């Protein structure tokens, strides 16, 4: 995993191939990018059924990392 960034209104998780981003509070929006097929992050595949399993896995990883660093975000 390259990074996990949690500033004021955005959370993101970026393993080697995928980038999951959660914009929360006012807009509560998710984005998922396949960095192999879309390195410029132009095509949000979050709602694409082909990425359902990876989305679920990345959300679980994000939740686990948040609990490890004692940050409690709503889902």
Protein backbone atom coordinates (compact mmCIF):
# COMPACT_ATOMS: atom_id res chain seq x y z
CA UNK A 1 0.00 0.00 0.00
CA UNK A 2 1.37 3.37 -0.99
CA UNK A 3 -0.56 5.66 1.33
CA UNK A 4 -3.56 6.36 3.45
CA UNK A 5 -4.50 10.02 3.68
CA UNK A 6 -7.12 11.33 6.09
CA UNK A 7 -7.38 15.13 5.97
CA UNK A 8 -10.40 17.08 7.15
CA UNK A 9 -13.02 16.03 4.61
CA UNK A 10 -11.44 13.30 2.46
CA UNK A 11 -10.25 9.77 3.17
CA UNK A 12 -8.39 7.73 0.62
CA UNK A 13 -6.77 4.35 0.37
CA UNK A 14 -4.34 3.58 -2.42
CA UNK A 15 -2.88 0.13 -2.79
CA UNK A 16 -0.76 -0.57 -5.84
CA UNK A 17 -3.57 -0.89 -8.39
CA UNK A 18 -6.67 0.81 -6.98
CA UNK A 19 -7.45 4.13 -5.38
CA UNK A 20 -10.50 4.43 -3.13
CA UNK A 21 -11.58 7.89 -2.00
CA UNK A 22 -14.37 8.86 0.39
CA UNK A 23 -15.55 12.47 0.47
CA UNK A 24 -17.62 12.67 3.62
CA UNK A 25 -19.55 15.16 5.76
CA UNK A 26 -21.56 17.35 3.39
CA UNK A 27 -21.47 15.23 0.24
CA UNK A 28 -20.71 11.63 1.40
CA UNK A 29 -19.43 10.48 -1.99
CA UNK A 30 -17.13 7.60 -2.97
CA UNK A 31 -14.75 7.24 -5.89
CA UNK A 32 -12.73 4.23 -7.05
CA UNK A 33 -10.08 4.26 -9.76
CA UNK A 34 -8.28 1.38 -11.43
CA UNK A 35 -4.85 2.91 -11.83
CA UNK A 36 -3.70 0.28 -14.34
CA UNK A 37 -6.46 0.93 -16.85
CA UNK A 38 -7.04 4.58 -15.87
CA UNK A 39 -3.81 6.17 -14.56
CA UNK A 40 -5.21 9.69 -14.96
CA UNK A 41 -8.22 8.90 -12.76
CA UNK A 42 -10.83 9.98 -15.28
CA UNK A 43 -13.28 7.07 -14.91
CA UNK A 44 -14.85 6.55 -11.48
CA UNK A 45 -15.68 2.82 -11.28
CA UNK A 46 -17.14 2.87 -7.77
CA UNK A 47 -20.65 1.92 -8.94
CA UNK A 48 -19.43 -0.50 -11.60
CA UNK A 49 -20.54 -4.07 -10.69
CA UNK A 50 -17.25 -5.43 -12.07
CA UNK A 51 -15.46 -3.72 -9.17
CA UNK A 52 -17.88 -4.68 -6.40
CA UNK A 53 -15.52 -7.15 -4.70
CA UNK A 54 -12.50 -4.85 -4.79
CA UNK A 55 -14.65 -2.00 -3.47
CA UNK A 56 -15.79 -4.15 -0.56
CA UNK A 57 -12.23 -5.28 0.18
CA UNK A 58 -10.83 -1.75 0.07
CA UNK A 59 -13.59 -0.43 2.34
CA UNK A 60 -12.79 -3.17 4.85
CA UNK A 61 -9.09 -2.26 4.69
CA UNK A 62 -9.88 1.42 5.17
CA UNK A 63 -12.10 0.69 8.17
CA UNK A 64 -9.40 -1.53 9.70
CA UNK A 65 -6.71 1.11 9.22
CA UNK A 66 -8.95 3.76 10.77
CA UNK A 67 -9.53 1.60 13.82
CA UNK A 68 -5.80 0.98 14.14
CA UNK A 69 -5.12 4.69 14.33
CA UNK A 70 -8.15 5.31 16.55
CA UNK A 71 -10.11 7.47 14.16
CA UNK A 72 -13.83 6.85 14.19
CA UNK A 73 -15.54 7.84 10.93
CA UNK A 74 -19.14 7.15 10.06
CA UNK A 75 -20.03 4.86 7.17
